[in-house]
Amino acid sequence: MEKVLDIKLLNGKINSSKAVEFLKNISLATADGKYELDNGISANVVSYTTDAVDADIFEAHKHTIDIHYIVAGEEKILIGKNADNPTESYDEQNDGGLYKTEKIEEVIYTCGQAIIINPNELHMAGYAIEKTANVKKVILKIKS
């Protein structure tokens, strides 16, 4: 997991000019939904209210890098300890699995910042920092 404080620093980490341009041009007016950007790269634009209570369920992907970029608001993302205790079968088609484990780290990020999550890193986003907040963000999905 890596925290990126400025979107300009993502240029060398994303091998897609379409994805970089998408992030540069995202705004509150961008509709929520899934956007296919390039071969193997998509963007999920989502809006929600953060949860006040941390959970012990985390997700992980075997073949996908996630880049969570905050367009508006703030949240914390939890990083999990290990993937030894799956709560359901791994979903090969969607490259995802859920795991029950303890958190080992909390990372706070705000508008204009991003978190890069590599394959097999347990994570769960969407948690309130001090009080619930409205968040709009983009989750880039990059096949590795």
Protein backbone atom coordinates (compact mmCIF):
# COMPACT_ATOMS: atom_id res chain seq x y z
CA MET A 1 0.00 0.00 0.00
CA GLU A 2 1.27 3.44 -0.88
CA LYS A 3 -0.24 6.83 -0.14
CA VAL A 4 0.10 9.43 -2.91
CA LEU A 5 -0.36 13.04 -1.79
CA ASP A 6 -0.62 14.65 -5.23
CA ILE A 7 -2.27 13.29 -8.37
CA LYS A 8 0.72 14.49 -10.43
CA LEU A 9 2.80 11.82 -8.70
CA LEU A 10 0.60 9.10 -10.22
CA ASN A 11 1.88 9.84 -13.75
CA GLY A 12 4.77 7.38 -13.51
CA LYS A 13 2.67 4.72 -11.78
CA ILE A 14 -0.15 4.42 -14.32
CA ASN A 15 0.76 3.16 -17.79
CA SER A 16 -2.28 4.69 -19.47
CA SER A 17 -2.70 8.24 -20.71
CA LYS A 18 -6.49 7.74 -20.74
CA ALA A 19 -6.52 6.82 -17.06
CA VAL A 20 -4.31 9.78 -16.11
CA GLU A 21 -6.53 12.15 -18.12
CA PHE A 22 -9.65 10.66 -16.53
CA LEU A 23 -8.28 11.40 -13.05
CA LYS A 24 -7.22 14.93 -14.04
CA ASN A 25 -10.69 15.71 -15.41
CA ILE A 26 -12.87 14.06 -12.77
CA SER A 27 -15.26 16.38 -10.95
CA LEU A 28 -18.31 16.32 -8.71
CA ALA A 29 -20.40 16.43 -11.90
CA THR A 30 -18.98 13.10 -13.15
CA ALA A 31 -21.72 10.49 -12.93
CA ASP A 32 -21.24 7.49 -10.67
CA GLY A 33 -20.67 4.28 -12.61
CA LYS A 34 -18.08 2.13 -14.34
CA TYR A 35 -15.90 3.57 -17.11
CA GLU A 36 -13.74 1.40 -19.39
CA LEU A 37 -10.58 3.44 -20.01
CA ASP A 38 -7.97 1.24 -21.63
CA ASN A 39 -7.17 -2.40 -22.17
CA GLY A 40 -7.21 -3.86 -18.65
CA ILE A 41 -8.01 -0.55 -16.92
CA SER A 42 -11.39 0.61 -15.68
CA ALA A 43 -12.62 3.30 -13.29
CA ASN A 44 -15.46 2.98 -10.80
CA VAL A 45 -16.83 6.36 -9.74
CA VAL A 46 -18.72 6.09 -6.45
CA SER A 47 -20.42 8.40 -3.95
CA TYR A 48 -21.33 7.40 -0.39
CA THR A 49 -21.33 8.34 3.27
CA THR A 50 -18.50 6.89 5.32
CA ASP A 51 -19.23 4.31 8.05
CA ALA A 52 -18.70 5.28 11.67
CA VAL A 53 -17.77 1.75 12.81
CA ASP A 54 -14.70 -0.14 11.62
CA ALA A 55 -15.28 -3.72 10.50
CA ASP A 56 -13.10 -6.82 10.50
CA ILE A 57 -13.93 -7.88 6.92
CA PHE A 58 -11.39 -6.96 4.25
CA GLU A 59 -11.13 -7.52 0.52
CA ALA A 60 -8.18 -8.51 -1.63
CA HIS A 61 -7.52 -9.02 -5.33
CA LYS A 62 -5.07 -11.48 -6.84
CA HIS A 63 -4.61 -9.84 -10.24
CA THR A 64 -5.70 -6.22 -9.84
CA ILE A 65 -4.06 -3.05 -8.55
CA ASP A 66 -6.56 -0.63 -7.00
CA ILE A 67 -5.95 3.11 -6.96
CA HIS A 68 -8.46 4.90 -4.73
CA TYR A 69 -8.54 8.63 -5.54
CA ILE A 70 -10.66 11.03 -3.44
CA VAL A 71 -12.53 13.64 -5.50
CA ALA A 72 -14.42 15.12 -2.52
CA GLY A 73 -14.52 14.37 1.19
CA GLU A 74 -12.22 12.28 3.36
CA GLU A 75 -12.07 8.75 4.70
CA LYS A 76 -9.83 6.17 6.24
CA ILE A 77 -8.94 2.89 4.66
CA LEU A 78 -8.09 -0.10 6.83
CA ILE A 79 -5.27 -2.48 5.97
CA GLY A 80 -5.67 -6.09 7.13
CA LYS A 81 -3.17 -8.52 8.62
CA ASN A 82 -3.40 -11.66 6.47
CA ALA A 83 -5.65 -13.63 4.12
CA ASP A 84 -5.84 -16.84 6.12
CA ASN A 85 -9.55 -16.69 6.94
CA PRO A 86 -11.79 -16.27 3.85
CA THR A 87 -15.46 -15.52 4.52
CA GLU A 88 -16.52 -16.81 1.10
CA SER A 89 -15.00 -18.37 -1.99
CA TYR A 90 -12.68 -16.27 -4.10
CA ASP A 91 -14.53 -14.79 -7.11
CA GLU A 92 -12.22 -15.36 -10.10
CA GLN A 93 -14.41 -13.41 -12.55
CA ASN A 94 -14.39 -10.26 -10.40
CA ASP A 95 -10.91 -10.94 -8.96
CA GLY A 96 -11.98 -10.52 -5.37
CA GLY A 97 -12.25 -12.26 -2.07
CA LEU A 98 -13.40 -11.28 1.41
CA TYR A 99 -11.45 -12.16 4.52
CA LYS A 100 -12.01 -11.84 8.26
CA THR A 101 -8.89 -10.57 9.99
CA GLU A 102 -7.63 -7.83 12.25
CA LYS A 103 -6.49 -4.45 11.01
CA ILE A 104 -2.81 -3.59 11.17
CA GLU A 105 -2.99 -0.06 9.85
CA GLU A 106 -5.36 2.86 9.25
CA VAL A 107 -4.58 5.33 6.48
CA ILE A 108 -6.38 8.66 6.23
CA TYR A 109 -6.65 10.35 2.87
CA THR A 110 -8.51 13.41 1.66
CA CYS A 111 -9.54 15.26 -1.48
CA GLY A 112 -6.81 15.10 -4.14
CA GLN A 113 -4.95 12.19 -2.51
CA ALA A 114 -4.78 8.57 -3.57
CA ILE A 115 -3.99 5.16 -2.13
CA ILE A 116 -2.34 2.46 -4.28
CA ILE A 117 -3.24 -1.07 -3.23
CA ASN A 118 -1.26 -3.90 -4.76
CA PRO A 119 -2.54 -7.43 -5.40
CA ASN A 120 -3.07 -9.54 -2.27
CA GLU A 121 -3.10 -6.54 0.09
CA LEU A 122 -6.11 -6.77 2.38
CA HIS A 123 -8.01 -3.51 2.53
CA MET A 124 -11.41 -1.99 3.20
CA ALA A 125 -12.26 1.63 2.50
CA GLY A 126 -15.15 3.86 3.40
CA TYR A 127 -14.66 4.53 7.09
CA ALA A 128 -15.19 7.81 8.93
CA ILE A 129 -12.24 9.64 10.42
CA GLU A 130 -13.95 11.46 13.30
CA LYS A 131 -17.49 11.80 12.00
CA THR A 132 -19.28 10.49 8.94
CA ALA A 133 -18.63 12.37 5.69
CA ASN A 134 -19.88 12.34 2.13
CA VAL A 135 -17.24 11.02 -0.25
CA LYS A 136 -16.92 10.93 -4.00
CA LYS A 137 -14.02 8.92 -5.33
CA VAL A 138 -12.64 6.99 -8.25
CA ILE A 139 -11.31 3.47 -7.92
CA LEU A 140 -9.03 2.65 -10.82
CA LYS A 141 -8.79 -1.09 -11.45
CA ILE A 142 -5.57 -2.06 -13.26
CA LYS A 143 -5.04 -5.68 -14.29
CA SER A 144 -1.54 -6.71 -13.25
